Amino acid sequence: MEENLVPVQENIPNESWKTTALLTGGILGALVGVGAAFLLIKRAEQKGAPLTITPNKGVQLGVMIAGLLRSILSLGD
């Protein structure tokens, strides 16, 4: 008697979603960064002064970005 042997596929999860998430996040992050730089340049032009970011403003920006990342991480819960 002849048996039909079919190779058993192991339960391998499809990991293409990781690549899609990384590419989408990278593209969105780049677009947001360019948009923020554009707005900063426009504001500096309107004031007629060169763009200056003080250490205090840099720390404030870092704290806001950390808060944003924390909020994004909580979306997965």
PDB file of N, CA and C in Angstrom:
ATOM      1  N   MET A   1       0.836  -1.159   0.000  1.00  0.00           N
ATOM      2  CA  MET A   1       0.000   0.000   0.000  1.00  0.00           C
ATOM      3  C   MET A   1       0.894   1.239   0.000  1.00  0.00           C
ATOM      4  N   GLU A   2       0.524   2.169  -0.813  1.00  0.00           N
ATOM      5  CA  GLU A   2       1.317   3.377  -0.974  1.00  0.00           C
ATOM      6  C   GLU A   2       0.737   4.484  -0.098  1.00  0.00           C
ATOM      7  N   GLU A   3       1.606   5.127   0.678  1.00  0.00           N
ATOM      8  CA  GLU A   3       1.148   6.210   1.546  1.00  0.00           C
ATOM      9  C   GLU A   3       1.539   7.545   0.924  1.00  0.00           C
ATOM     10  N   ASN A   4       0.631   8.475   0.972  1.00  0.00           N
ATOM     11  CA  ASN A   4       0.936   9.826   0.504  1.00  0.00           C
ATOM     12  C   ASN A   4       1.538  10.600   1.667  1.00  0.00           C
ATOM     13  N   LEU A   5       2.810  10.898   1.528  1.00  0.00           N
ATOM     14  CA  LEU A   5       3.483  11.647   2.573  1.00  0.00           C
ATOM     15  C   LEU A   5       3.467  13.133   2.216  1.00  0.00           C
ATOM     16  N   VAL A   6       2.892  13.892   3.089  1.00  0.00           N
ATOM     17  CA  VAL A   6       2.819  15.342   2.897  1.00  0.00           C
ATOM     18  C   VAL A   6       3.712  15.966   3.950  1.00  0.00           C
ATOM     19  N   PRO A   7       4.625  16.826   3.533  1.00  0.00           N
ATOM     20  CA  PRO A   7       5.489  17.452   4.531  1.00  0.00           C
ATOM     21  C   PRO A   7       4.658  18.307   5.497  1.00  0.00           C
ATOM     22  N   VAL A   8       4.961  18.151   6.747  1.00  0.00           N
ATOM     23  CA  VAL A   8       4.242  18.890   7.777  1.00  0.00           C
ATOM     24  C   VAL A   8       4.909  20.247   7.956  1.00  0.00           C
ATOM     25  N   GLN A   9       4.110  21.274   7.819  1.00  0.00           N
ATOM     26  CA  GLN A   9       4.640  22.616   8.043  1.00  0.00           C
ATOM     27  C   GLN A   9       4.547  22.921   9.521  1.00  0.00           C
ATOM     28  N   GLU A  10       5.662  23.353  10.041  1.00  0.00           N
ATOM     29  CA  GLU A  10       5.650  23.729  11.441  1.00  0.00           C
ATOM     30  C   GLU A  10       4.889  25.031  11.590  1.00  0.00           C
ATOM     31  N   ASN A  11       4.401  25.247  12.765  1.00  0.00           N
ATOM     32  CA  ASN A  11       3.624  26.449  13.032  1.00  0.00           C
ATOM     33  C   ASN A  11       4.568  27.640  13.176  1.00  0.00           C
ATOM     34  N   ILE A  12       4.980  28.192  12.044  1.00  0.00           N
ATOM     35  CA  ILE A  12       5.904  29.319  12.028  1.00  0.00           C
ATOM     36  C   ILE A  12       5.084  30.592  11.863  1.00  0.00           C
ATOM     37  N   PRO A  13       5.173  31.512  12.841  1.00  0.00           N
ATOM     38  CA  PRO A  13       4.381  32.739  12.721  1.00  0.00           C
ATOM     39  C   PRO A  13       4.912  33.628  11.606  1.00  0.00           C
ATOM     40  N   ASN A  14       4.007  34.307  10.949  1.00  0.00           N
ATOM     41  CA  ASN A  14       4.375  35.224   9.884  1.00  0.00           C
ATOM     42  C   ASN A  14       4.952  36.483  10.515  1.00  0.00           C
ATOM     43  N   GLU A  15       6.207  36.784  10.250  1.00  0.00           N
ATOM     44  CA  GLU A  15       6.875  37.906  10.888  1.00  0.00           C
ATOM     45  C   GLU A  15       7.000  39.112   9.967  1.00  0.00           C
ATOM     46  N   SER A  16       6.261  39.132   8.874  1.00  0.00           N
ATOM     47  CA  SER A  16       6.351  40.273   7.970  1.00  0.00           C
ATOM     48  C   SER A  16       5.741  41.521   8.602  1.00  0.00           C
ATOM     49  N   TRP A  17       4.891  41.358   9.617  1.00  0.00           N
ATOM     50  CA  TRP A  17       4.289  42.510  10.268  1.00  0.00           C
ATOM     51  C   TRP A  17       5.339  43.347  10.991  1.00  0.00           C
ATOM     52  N   LYS A  18       6.412  42.714  11.417  1.00  0.00           N
ATOM     53  CA  LYS A  18       7.475  43.452  12.104  1.00  0.00           C
ATOM     54  C   LYS A  18       8.167  44.410  11.130  1.00  0.00           C
ATOM     55  N   THR A  19       8.467  43.901   9.947  1.00  0.00           N
ATOM     56  CA  THR A  19       9.106  44.739   8.928  1.00  0.00           C
ATOM     57  C   THR A  19       8.176  45.879   8.529  1.00  0.00           C
ATOM     58  N   THR A  20       6.904  45.571   8.354  1.00  0.00           N
ATOM     59  CA  THR A  20       5.935  46.597   7.993  1.00  0.00           C
ATOM     60  C   THR A  20       5.845  47.670   9.074  1.00  0.00           C
ATOM     61  N   ALA A  21       5.826  47.240  10.335  1.00  0.00           N
ATOM     62  CA  ALA A  21       5.743  48.197  11.450  1.00  0.00           C
ATOM     63  C   ALA A  21       6.983  49.080  11.507  1.00  0.00           C
ATOM     64  N   LEU A  22       8.156  48.499  11.300  1.00  0.00           N
ATOM     65  CA  LEU A  22       9.388  49.275  11.339  1.00  0.00           C
ATOM     66  C   LEU A  22       9.460  50.279  10.193  1.00  0.00           C
ATOM     67  N   LEU A  23       9.097  49.844   9.011  1.00  0.00           N
ATOM     68  CA  LEU A  23       9.129  50.753   7.861  1.00  0.00           C
ATOM     69  C   LEU A  23       8.107  51.879   8.013  1.00  0.00           C
ATOM     70  N   THR A  24       6.905  51.530   8.445  1.00  0.00           N
ATOM     71  CA  THR A  24       5.863  52.541   8.632  1.00  0.00           C
ATOM     72  C   THR A  24       6.277  53.535   9.707  1.00  0.00           C
ATOM     73  N   GLY A  25       6.792  53.034  10.826  1.00  0.00           N
ATOM     74  CA  GLY A  25       7.240  53.919  11.894  1.00  0.00           C
ATOM     75  C   GLY A  25       8.390  54.800  11.469  1.00  0.00           C
ATOM     76  N   GLY A  26       9.313  54.256  10.718  1.00  0.00           N
ATOM     77  CA  GLY A  26      10.448  55.040  10.238  1.00  0.00           C
ATOM     78  C   GLY A  26      10.028  56.147   9.288  1.00  0.00           C
ATOM     79  N   ILE A  27       9.123  55.816   8.379  1.00  0.00           N
ATOM     80  CA  ILE A  27       8.655  56.816   7.422  1.00  0.00           C
ATOM     81  C   ILE A  27       7.856  57.904   8.137  1.00  0.00           C
ATOM     82  N   LEU A  28       6.949  57.496   9.035  1.00  0.00           N
ATOM     83  CA  LEU A  28       6.163  58.488   9.773  1.00  0.00           C
ATOM     84  C   LEU A  28       7.055  59.361  10.655  1.00  0.00           C
ATOM     85  N   GLY A  29       8.044  58.754  11.294  1.00  0.00           N
ATOM     86  CA  GLY A  29       8.964  59.515  12.132  1.00  0.00           C
ATOM     87  C   GLY A  29       9.754  60.538  11.328  1.00  0.00           C
ATOM     88  N   ALA A  30      10.201  60.125  10.149  1.00  0.00           N
ATOM     89  CA  ALA A  30      10.945  61.054   9.285  1.00  0.00           C
ATOM     90  C   ALA A  30      10.062  62.204   8.827  1.00  0.00           C
ATOM     91  N   LEU A  31       8.813  61.898   8.463  1.00  0.00           N
ATOM     92  CA  LEU A  31       7.900  62.945   8.024  1.00  0.00           C
ATOM     93  C   LEU A  31       7.579  63.921   9.157  1.00  0.00           C
ATOM     94  N   VAL A  32       7.372  63.408  10.350  1.00  0.00           N
ATOM     95  CA  VAL A  32       7.102  64.274  11.499  1.00  0.00           C
ATOM     96  C   VAL A  32       8.321  65.139  11.802  1.00  0.00           C
ATOM     97  N   GLY A  33       9.505  64.562  11.727  1.00  0.00           N
ATOM     98  CA  GLY A  33      10.729  65.323  11.966  1.00  0.00           C
ATOM     99  C   GLY A  33      10.933  66.439  10.963  1.00  0.00           C
ATOM    100  N   VAL A  34      10.704  66.150   9.697  1.00  0.00           N
ATOM    101  CA  VAL A  34      10.839  67.173   8.657  1.00  0.00           C
ATOM    102  C   VAL A  34       9.775  68.255   8.850  1.00  0.00           C
ATOM    103  N   GLY A  35       8.563  67.843   9.195  1.00  0.00           N
ATOM    104  CA  GLY A  35       7.498  68.817   9.442  1.00  0.00           C
ATOM    105  C   GLY A  35       7.829  69.731  10.618  1.00  0.00           C
ATOM    106  N   ALA A  36       8.369  69.155  11.700  1.00  0.00           N
ATOM    107  CA  ALA A  36       8.743  69.957  12.869  1.00  0.00           C
ATOM    108  C   ALA A  36       9.855  70.939  12.512  1.00  0.00           C
ATOM    109  N   ALA A  37      10.841  70.493  11.749  1.00  0.00           N
ATOM    110  CA  ALA A  37      11.920  71.387  11.339  1.00  0.00           C
ATOM    111  C   ALA A  37      11.388  72.515  10.461  1.00  0.00           C
ATOM    112  N   PHE A  38      10.464  72.185   9.574  1.00  0.00           N
ATOM    113  CA  PHE A  38       9.854  73.195   8.709  1.00  0.00           C
ATOM    114  C   PHE A  38       9.139  74.259   9.542  1.00  0.00           C
ATOM    115  N   LEU A  39       8.377  73.819  10.546  1.00  0.00           N
ATOM    116  CA  LEU A  39       7.665  74.766  11.403  1.00  0.00           C
ATOM    117  C   LEU A  39       8.630  75.638  12.207  1.00  0.00           C
ATOM    118  N   LEU A  40       9.705  75.048  12.689  1.00  0.00           N
ATOM    119  CA  LEU A  40      10.700  75.829  13.424  1.00  0.00           C
ATOM    120  C   LEU A  40      11.346  76.885  12.526  1.00  0.00           C
ATOM    121  N   ILE A  41      11.638  76.518  11.307  1.00  0.00           N
ATOM    122  CA  ILE A  41      12.240  77.459  10.355  1.00  0.00           C
ATOM    123  C   ILE A  41      11.268  78.593  10.048  1.00  0.00           C
ATOM    124  N   LYS A  42       9.997  78.241   9.814  1.00  0.00           N
ATOM    125  CA  LYS A  42       8.991  79.267   9.522  1.00  0.00           C
ATOM    126  C   LYS A  42       8.851  80.238  10.688  1.00  0.00           C
ATOM    127  N   ARG A  43       8.829  79.726  11.915  1.00  0.00           N
ATOM    128  CA  ARG A  43       8.704  80.595  13.081  1.00  0.00           C
ATOM    129  C   ARG A  43       9.914  81.518  13.192  1.00  0.00           C
ATOM    130  N   ALA A  44      11.094  80.996  12.961  1.00  0.00           N
ATOM    131  CA  ALA A  44      12.305  81.816  13.025  1.00  0.00           C
ATOM    132  C   ALA A  44      12.276  82.897  11.949  1.00  0.00           C
ATOM    133  N   GLU A  45      11.805  82.563  10.763  1.00  0.00           N
ATOM    134  CA  GLU A  45      11.706  83.547   9.687  1.00  0.00           C
ATOM    135  C   GLU A  45      10.703  84.642  10.031  1.00  0.00           C
ATOM    136  N   GLN A  46       9.584  84.265  10.655  1.00  0.00           N
ATOM    137  CA  GLN A  46       8.567  85.251  11.029  1.00  0.00           C
ATOM    138  C   GLN A  46       9.094  86.218  12.086  1.00  0.00           C
ATOM    139  N   LYS A  47       9.906  85.689  13.001  1.00  0.00           N
ATOM    140  CA  LYS A  47      10.483  86.543  14.041  1.00  0.00           C
ATOM    141  C   LYS A  47      11.657  87.354  13.513  1.00  0.00           C
ATOM    142  N   GLY A  48      12.228  86.941  12.407  1.00  0.00           N
ATOM    143  CA  GLY A  48      13.371  87.628  11.838  1.00  0.00           C
ATOM    144  C   GLY A  48      14.653  87.391  12.605  1.00  0.00           C
ATOM    145  N   ALA A  49      14.697  86.306  13.340  1.00  0.00           N
ATOM    146  CA  ALA A  49      15.874  85.976  14.147  1.00  0.00           C
ATOM    147  C   ALA A  49      16.301  84.550  13.832  1.00  0.00           C
ATOM    148  N   PRO A  50      17.586  84.266  13.996  1.00  0.00           N
ATOM    149  CA  PRO A  50      18.025  82.876  13.754  1.00  0.00           C
ATOM    150  C   PRO A  50      17.441  81.931  14.799  1.00  0.00           C
ATOM    151  N   LEU A  51      17.306  80.704  14.405  1.00  0.00           N
ATOM    152  CA  LEU A  51      16.760  79.678  15.289  1.00  0.00           C
ATOM    153  C   LEU A  51      17.756  79.353  16.392  1.00  0.00           C
ATOM    154  N   THR A  52      17.334  79.486  17.617  1.00  0.00           N
ATOM    155  CA  THR A  52      18.178  79.122  18.754  1.00  0.00           C
ATOM    156  C   THR A  52      17.391  78.223  19.681  1.00  0.00           C
ATOM    157  N   ILE A  53      17.987  77.143  20.057  1.00  0.00           N
ATOM    158  CA  ILE A  53      17.377  76.223  21.021  1.00  0.00           C
ATOM    159  C   ILE A  53      18.289  76.188  22.232  1.00  0.00           C
ATOM    160  N   THR A  54      17.768  76.662  23.353  1.00  0.00           N
ATOM    161  CA  THR A  54      18.550  76.702  24.585  1.00  0.00           C
ATOM    162  C   THR A  54      18.591  75.320  25.216  1.00  0.00           C
ATOM    163  N   PRO A  55      19.539  75.077  26.117  1.00  0.00           N
ATOM    164  CA  PRO A  55      19.559  73.785  26.815  1.00  0.00           C
ATOM    165  C   PRO A  55      18.250  73.506  27.558  1.00  0.00           C
ATOM    166  N   ASN A  56      17.651  74.549  28.110  1.00  0.00           N
ATOM    167  CA  ASN A  56      16.386  74.374  28.819  1.00  0.00           C
ATOM    168  C   ASN A  56      15.298  73.873  27.869  1.00  0.00           C
ATOM    169  N   LYS A  57      15.214  74.472  26.696  1.00  0.00           N
ATOM    170  CA  LYS A  57      14.229  74.045  25.695  1.00  0.00           C
ATOM    171  C   LYS A  57      14.538  72.626  25.199  1.00  0.00           C
ATOM    172  N   GLY A  58      15.808  72.299  25.089  1.00  0.00           N
ATOM    173  CA  GLY A  58      16.193  70.951  24.682  1.00  0.00           C
ATOM    174  C   GLY A  58      15.748  69.903  25.689  1.00  0.00           C
ATOM    175  N   VAL A  59      15.901  70.211  26.967  1.00  0.00           N
ATOM    176  CA  VAL A  59      15.459  69.282  28.020  1.00  0.00           C
ATOM    177  C   VAL A  59      13.944  69.147  27.988  1.00  0.00           C
ATOM    178  N   GLN A  60      13.237  70.260  27.827  1.00  0.00           N
ATOM    179  CA  GLN A  60      11.774  70.207  27.745  1.00  0.00           C
ATOM    180  C   GLN A  60      11.325  69.348  26.566  1.00  0.00           C
ATOM    181  N   LEU A  61      11.980  69.521  25.440  1.00  0.00           N
ATOM    182  CA  LEU A  61      11.648  68.722  24.262  1.00  0.00           C
ATOM    183  C   LEU A  61      11.915  67.241  24.510  1.00  0.00           C
ATOM    184  N   GLY A  62      13.044  66.927  25.149  1.00  0.00           N
ATOM    185  CA  GLY A  62      13.360  65.536  25.462  1.00  0.00           C
ATOM    186  C   GLY A  62      12.335  64.898  26.378  1.00  0.00           C
ATOM    187  N   VAL A  63      11.870  65.638  27.373  1.00  0.00           N
ATOM    188  CA  VAL A  63      10.857  65.118  28.302  1.00  0.00           C
ATOM    189  C   VAL A  63       9.534  64.886  27.566  1.00  0.00           C
ATOM    190  N   MET A  64       9.178  65.812  26.674  1.00  0.00           N
ATOM    191  CA  MET A  64       7.935  65.637  25.909  1.00  0.00           C
ATOM    192  C   MET A  64       8.016  64.427  24.987  1.00  0.00           C
ATOM    193  N   ILE A  65       9.166  64.228  24.361  1.00  0.00           N
ATOM    194  CA  ILE A  65       9.336  63.067  23.473  1.00  0.00           C
ATOM    195  C   ILE A  65       9.280  61.770  24.286  1.00  0.00           C
ATOM    196  N   ALA A  66       9.900  61.761  25.469  1.00  0.00           N
ATOM    197  CA  ALA A  66       9.844  60.580  26.322  1.00  0.00           C
ATOM    198  C   ALA A  66       8.401  60.281  26.720  1.00  0.00           C
ATOM    199  N   GLY A  67       7.629  61.316  27.025  1.00  0.00           N
ATOM    200  CA  GLY A  67       6.214  61.124  27.356  1.00  0.00           C
ATOM    201  C   GLY A  67       5.427  60.569  26.184  1.00  0.00           C
ATOM    202  N   LEU A  68       5.727  61.073  24.988  1.00  0.00           N
ATOM    203  CA  LEU A  68       5.058  60.570  23.795  1.00  0.00           C
ATOM    204  C   LEU A  68       5.376  59.088  23.572  1.00  0.00           C
ATOM    205  N   LEU A  69       6.647  58.731  23.712  1.00  0.00           N
ATOM    206  CA  LEU A  69       7.036  57.322  23.538  1.00  0.00           C
ATOM    207  C   LEU A  69       6.380  56.439  24.593  1.00  0.00           C
ATOM    208  N   ARG A  70       6.274  56.953  25.798  1.00  0.00           N
ATOM    209  CA  ARG A  70       5.614  56.196  26.867  1.00  0.00           C
ATOM    210  C   ARG A  70       4.140  55.966  26.525  1.00  0.00           C
ATOM    211  N   SER A  71       3.490  56.989  25.977  1.00  0.00           N
ATOM    212  CA  SER A  71       2.087  56.861  25.571  1.00  0.00           C
ATOM    213  C   SER A  71       1.938  55.840  24.435  1.00  0.00           C
ATOM    214  N   ILE A  72       2.879  55.865  23.509  1.00  0.00           N
ATOM    215  CA  ILE A  72       2.826  54.907  22.402  1.00  0.00           C
ATOM    216  C   ILE A  72       2.990  53.485  22.925  1.00  0.00           C
ATOM    217  N   LEU A  73       3.892  53.302  23.879  1.00  0.00           N
ATOM    218  CA  LEU A  73       4.096  51.969  24.451  1.00  0.00           C
ATOM    219  C   LEU A  73       2.847  51.469  25.169  1.00  0.00           C
ATOM    220  N   SER A  74       2.093  52.367  25.778  1.00  0.00           N
ATOM    221  CA  SER A  74       0.901  51.948  26.510  1.00  0.00           C
ATOM    222  C   SER A  74      -0.226  51.524  25.572  1.00  0.00           C
ATOM    223  N   LEU A  75      -0.132  51.861  24.283  1.00  0.00           N
ATOM    224  CA  LEU A  75      -1.145  51.437  23.323  1.00  0.00           C
ATOM    225  C   LEU A  75      -1.188  49.915  23.193  1.00  0.00           C
ATOM    226  N   GLY A  76      -0.068  49.256  23.403  1.00  0.00           N
ATOM    227  CA  GLY A  76      -0.009  47.806  23.266  1.00  0.00           C
ATOM    228  C   GLY A  76      -0.626  47.042  24.422  1.00  0.00           C
ATOM    229  N   ASP A  77      -0.942  47.728  25.503  1.00  0.00           N
ATOM    230  CA  ASP A  77      -1.509  47.031  26.688  1.00  0.00           C
ATOM    231  C   ASP A  77      -2.986  46.821  26.562  1.00  0.00           C
TER     232      ASP A  77
END
